[in-house]
Amino acid sequence: MAPIVVLNVAEKPSVARALAQVFGNTPGSRQSQSRHSGPAQIFEIENVNFPSLYQQGSGQMVPTNVRNEPHTMITTSVRGHLASQDFGPAFGWSRCHPMALFDAPINTEYSQDMQPLERMLRDLSRRASALILWLDCDREGEAIS
């Protein structure tokens, strides 16, 4: 059985480096690659053993007799705001009744300088079967999630 591939995306590069160090220090793990792929550094650690992600997150305790499984942990980070969201031009300030905003479409735009980061995240996510976001516990981290 192939290992589960987990994409870890941190809000800051320093957090991504720290996570990669923790994953790399897991007994039996091995760093397969670390590269700076234009917009952000990418760390890939193989054979990180812990109970399967699919047995976690259910609100139930993972039984102690569950054996650990190998995971490939791909870790990277974002910087700044990847996208901006706004109402279309027809819904600007004083152009419509505020109640209309509840049903108004929201436009998401990626600034030119963030498009390489968007492409990198899309490419990495195609390899992953799970995503973990490592965010600050603040308003911005909440908005990202």
C-alpha atoms as a PDB file:
ATOM      1  CA  MET A   1       0.000   0.000   0.000  1.00  0.00           C
ATOM      2  CA  ALA A   2       1.359   3.408  -0.980  1.00  0.00           C
ATOM      3  CA  PRO A   3       1.882   5.869   1.852  1.00  0.00           C
ATOM      4  CA  ILE A   4      -0.702   8.578   2.445  1.00  0.00           C
ATOM      5  CA  VAL A   5       0.547  11.886   1.033  1.00  0.00           C
ATOM      6  CA  VAL A   6      -0.270  14.859   3.249  1.00  0.00           C
ATOM      7  CA  LEU A   7       0.122  18.466   2.091  1.00  0.00           C
ATOM      8  CA  ASN A   8       0.934  20.748   5.031  1.00  0.00           C
ATOM      9  CA  VAL A   9       0.508  24.471   4.296  1.00  0.00           C
ATOM     10  CA  ALA A  10       1.741  26.916   6.920  1.00  0.00           C
ATOM     11  CA  GLU A  11       0.844  30.568   7.184  1.00  0.00           C
ATOM     12  CA  LYS A  12       4.521  31.512   7.541  1.00  0.00           C
ATOM     13  CA  PRO A  13       7.786  30.119   6.095  1.00  0.00           C
ATOM     14  CA  SER A  14       9.298  29.795   9.584  1.00  0.00           C
ATOM     15  CA  VAL A  15       6.451  27.478  10.636  1.00  0.00           C
ATOM     16  CA  ALA A  16       6.926  25.335   7.508  1.00  0.00           C
ATOM     17  CA  ARG A  17      10.651  24.965   8.312  1.00  0.00           C
ATOM     18  CA  ALA A  18       9.890  24.017  11.925  1.00  0.00           C
ATOM     19  CA  LEU A  19       7.295  21.426  10.841  1.00  0.00           C
ATOM     20  CA  ALA A  20       9.721  19.907   8.339  1.00  0.00           C
ATOM     21  CA  GLN A  21      12.301  19.639  11.105  1.00  0.00           C
ATOM     22  CA  VAL A  22       9.815  17.854  13.391  1.00  0.00           C
ATOM     23  CA  PHE A  23       8.743  15.460  10.617  1.00  0.00           C
ATOM     24  CA  GLY A  24      12.385  14.854   9.707  1.00  0.00           C
ATOM     25  CA  ASN A  25      13.260  13.969  13.310  1.00  0.00           C
ATOM     26  CA  THR A  26      10.578  11.271  13.458  1.00  0.00           C
ATOM     27  CA  PRO A  27      12.306   7.887  13.882  1.00  0.00           C
ATOM     28  CA  GLY A  28      12.659   6.133  10.526  1.00  0.00           C
ATOM     29  CA  SER A  29      11.767   9.174   8.437  1.00  0.00           C
ATOM     30  CA  ARG A  30      13.910  10.378   5.576  1.00  0.00           C
ATOM     31  CA  GLN A  31      13.978  13.676   3.744  1.00  0.00           C
ATOM     32  CA  SER A  32      13.495  12.942   0.076  1.00  0.00           C
ATOM     33  CA  GLN A  33      13.846  16.519  -1.084  1.00  0.00           C
ATOM     34  CA  SER A  34      13.924  20.124  -0.048  1.00  0.00           C
ATOM     35  CA  ARG A  35      13.685  22.708  -2.743  1.00  0.00           C
ATOM     36  CA  HIS A  36      12.900  26.328  -3.225  1.00  0.00           C
ATOM     37  CA  SER A  37      10.342  26.269  -5.988  1.00  0.00           C
ATOM     38  CA  GLY A  38      10.093  29.932  -6.848  1.00  0.00           C
ATOM     39  CA  PRO A  39       7.320  31.234  -4.613  1.00  0.00           C
ATOM     40  CA  ALA A  40       8.025  29.111  -1.514  1.00  0.00           C
ATOM     41  CA  GLN A  41      10.303  26.457  -0.086  1.00  0.00           C
ATOM     42  CA  ILE A  42       8.996  22.881  -0.273  1.00  0.00           C
ATOM     43  CA  PHE A  43      10.057  20.123   2.125  1.00  0.00           C
ATOM     44  CA  GLU A  44       9.222  16.494   1.434  1.00  0.00           C
ATOM     45  CA  ILE A  45       9.752  13.951   4.204  1.00  0.00           C
ATOM     46  CA  GLU A  46       8.955  10.285   3.592  1.00  0.00           C
ATOM     47  CA  ASN A  47       8.194   7.473   6.008  1.00  0.00           C
ATOM     48  CA  VAL A  48       6.785   9.675   8.779  1.00  0.00           C
ATOM     49  CA  ASN A  49       5.020   7.063  10.903  1.00  0.00           C
ATOM     50  CA  PHE A  50       1.914   7.722  12.975  1.00  0.00           C
ATOM     51  CA  PRO A  51      -1.665   6.364  13.083  1.00  0.00           C
ATOM     52  CA  SER A  52      -3.421   6.784   9.746  1.00  0.00           C
ATOM     53  CA  LEU A  53      -4.982  10.173   9.177  1.00  0.00           C
ATOM     54  CA  TYR A  54      -8.155   8.350   8.241  1.00  0.00           C
ATOM     55  CA  GLN A  55      -8.411   6.974  11.784  1.00  0.00           C
ATOM     56  CA  GLN A  56      -8.100  10.421  13.344  1.00  0.00           C
ATOM     57  CA  GLY A  57     -10.379  13.432  13.525  1.00  0.00           C
ATOM     58  CA  SER A  58     -13.540  11.487  14.259  1.00  0.00           C
ATOM     59  CA  GLY A  59     -13.747  12.685  17.832  1.00  0.00           C
ATOM     60  CA  GLN A  60     -12.879   9.176  19.001  1.00  0.00           C
ATOM     61  CA  MET A  61      -9.640   8.247  20.712  1.00  0.00           C
ATOM     62  CA  VAL A  62      -7.272   6.330  18.448  1.00  0.00           C
ATOM     63  CA  PRO A  63      -6.856   2.900  20.069  1.00  0.00           C
ATOM     64  CA  THR A  64      -3.384   2.244  21.411  1.00  0.00           C
ATOM     65  CA  ASN A  65      -3.151  -1.032  19.485  1.00  0.00           C
ATOM     66  CA  VAL A  66      -3.457   0.706  16.078  1.00  0.00           C
ATOM     67  CA  ARG A  67      -0.198   0.351  14.235  1.00  0.00           C
ATOM     68  CA  ASN A  68       1.522   3.351  12.743  1.00  0.00           C
ATOM     69  CA  GLU A  69       1.512   3.827   8.986  1.00  0.00           C
ATOM     70  CA  PRO A  70       4.022   5.629   6.780  1.00  0.00           C
ATOM     71  CA  HIS A  71       3.007   9.057   5.507  1.00  0.00           C
ATOM     72  CA  THR A  72       4.751  11.359   3.057  1.00  0.00           C
ATOM     73  CA  MET A  73       4.628  14.867   4.475  1.00  0.00           C
ATOM     74  CA  ILE A  74       4.941  17.685   1.925  1.00  0.00           C
ATOM     75  CA  THR A  75       5.316  20.986   3.752  1.00  0.00           C
ATOM     76  CA  THR A  76       5.287  24.511   2.351  1.00  0.00           C
ATOM     77  CA  SER A  77       3.969  27.953   3.221  1.00  0.00           C
ATOM     78  CA  VAL A  78       2.146  30.940   1.851  1.00  0.00           C
ATOM     79  CA  ARG A  79       3.087  34.574   2.182  1.00  0.00           C
ATOM     80  CA  GLY A  80       0.796  37.544   2.171  1.00  0.00           C
ATOM     81  CA  HIS A  81      -2.669  37.335   0.734  1.00  0.00           C
ATOM     82  CA  LEU A  82      -2.964  34.835  -2.099  1.00  0.00           C
ATOM     83  CA  ALA A  83      -6.328  36.134  -3.270  1.00  0.00           C
ATOM     84  CA  SER A  84      -8.603  39.098  -2.824  1.00  0.00           C
ATOM     85  CA  GLN A  85     -12.361  38.865  -2.713  1.00  0.00           C
ATOM     86  CA  ASP A  86     -14.872  41.558  -3.419  1.00  0.00           C
ATOM     87  CA  PHE A  87     -18.335  42.142  -4.779  1.00  0.00           C
ATOM     88  CA  GLY A  88     -18.631  42.950  -8.479  1.00  0.00           C
ATOM     89  CA  PRO A  89     -18.810  46.558  -9.720  1.00  0.00           C
ATOM     90  CA  ALA A  90     -22.614  46.569  -9.567  1.00  0.00           C
ATOM     91  CA  PHE A  91     -22.452  46.055  -5.808  1.00  0.00           C
ATOM     92  CA  GLY A  92     -20.042  48.821  -4.743  1.00  0.00           C
ATOM     93  CA  TRP A  93     -20.666  51.242  -1.894  1.00  0.00           C
ATOM     94  CA  SER A  94     -24.028  53.015  -2.292  1.00  0.00           C
ATOM     95  CA  ARG A  95     -24.725  51.239  -5.610  1.00  0.00           C
ATOM     96  CA  CYS A  96     -27.191  48.785  -4.119  1.00  0.00           C
ATOM     97  CA  HIS A  97     -29.275  48.141  -1.050  1.00  0.00           C
ATOM     98  CA  PRO A  98     -27.188  46.370   1.639  1.00  0.00           C
ATOM     99  CA  MET A  99     -29.643  43.439   1.664  1.00  0.00           C
ATOM    100  CA  ALA A 100     -28.682  42.679  -1.957  1.00  0.00           C
ATOM    101  CA  LEU A 101     -25.158  41.836  -0.791  1.00  0.00           C
ATOM    102  CA  PHE A 102     -26.388  38.646   0.902  1.00  0.00           C
ATOM    103  CA  ASP A 103     -27.151  37.142  -2.521  1.00  0.00           C
ATOM    104  CA  ALA A 104     -24.496  38.969  -4.542  1.00  0.00           C
ATOM    105  CA  PRO A 105     -21.759  36.935  -6.228  1.00  0.00           C
ATOM    106  CA  ILE A 106     -18.266  37.281  -4.799  1.00  0.00           C
ATOM    107  CA  ASN A 107     -15.364  37.669  -7.209  1.00  0.00           C
ATOM    108  CA  THR A 108     -12.026  36.089  -6.282  1.00  0.00           C
ATOM    109  CA  GLU A 109      -8.957  37.487  -7.986  1.00  0.00           C
ATOM    110  CA  TYR A 110      -5.328  36.417  -7.773  1.00  0.00           C
ATOM    111  CA  SER A 111      -2.847  39.233  -8.108  1.00  0.00           C
ATOM    112  CA  GLN A 112      -0.178  38.780 -10.756  1.00  0.00           C
ATOM    113  CA  ASP A 113       2.627  38.295  -8.212  1.00  0.00           C
ATOM    114  CA  MET A 114       0.684  35.527  -6.402  1.00  0.00           C
ATOM    115  CA  GLN A 115      -0.088  33.403  -9.470  1.00  0.00           C
ATOM    116  CA  PRO A 116       3.140  31.340  -9.168  1.00  0.00           C
ATOM    117  CA  LEU A 117       2.192  30.521  -5.558  1.00  0.00           C
ATOM    118  CA  GLU A 118      -1.317  29.550  -6.639  1.00  0.00           C
ATOM    119  CA  ARG A 119       0.105  27.237  -9.348  1.00  0.00           C
ATOM    120  CA  MET A 120       2.554  25.682  -6.871  1.00  0.00           C
ATOM    121  CA  LEU A 121      -0.242  24.931  -4.379  1.00  0.00           C
ATOM    122  CA  ARG A 122      -2.460  23.476  -7.113  1.00  0.00           C
ATOM    123  CA  ASP A 123       0.375  21.224  -8.341  1.00  0.00           C
ATOM    124  CA  LEU A 124       1.235  20.028  -4.829  1.00  0.00           C
ATOM    125  CA  SER A 125      -2.410  19.391  -3.972  1.00  0.00           C
ATOM    126  CA  ARG A 126      -2.781  17.033  -6.936  1.00  0.00           C
ATOM    127  CA  ARG A 127      -0.324  14.663  -5.249  1.00  0.00           C
ATOM    128  CA  ALA A 128      -1.959  14.831  -1.825  1.00  0.00           C
ATOM    129  CA  SER A 129      -4.791  12.821  -0.352  1.00  0.00           C
ATOM    130  CA  ALA A 130      -5.072  15.069   2.725  1.00  0.00           C
ATOM    131  CA  LEU A 131      -4.496  18.734   3.572  1.00  0.00           C
ATOM    132  CA  ILE A 132      -3.481  20.187   6.922  1.00  0.00           C
ATOM    133  CA  LEU A 133      -3.461  23.969   7.383  1.00  0.00           C
ATOM    134  CA  TRP A 134      -1.050  25.292  10.027  1.00  0.00           C
ATOM    135  CA  LEU A 135      -2.473  28.735  10.834  1.00  0.00           C
ATOM    136  CA  ASP A 136      -2.188  31.331  13.551  1.00  0.00           C
ATOM    137  CA  CYS A 137      -5.048  31.351  16.005  1.00  0.00           C
ATOM    138  CA  ASP A 138      -6.215  34.813  15.034  1.00  0.00           C
ATOM    139  CA  ARG A 139      -8.711  36.526  12.766  1.00  0.00           C
ATOM    140  CA  GLU A 140      -6.517  36.129   9.677  1.00  0.00           C
ATOM    141  CA  GLY A 141      -5.898  32.435  10.341  1.00  0.00           C
ATOM    142  CA  GLU A 142      -9.619  31.953  10.779  1.00  0.00           C
ATOM    143  CA  ALA A 143     -10.312  33.731   7.505  1.00  0.00           C
ATOM    144  CA  ILE A 144      -7.812  31.529   5.667  1.00  0.00           C
ATOM    145  CA  SER A 145      -9.452  28.349   6.900  1.00  0.00           C
END
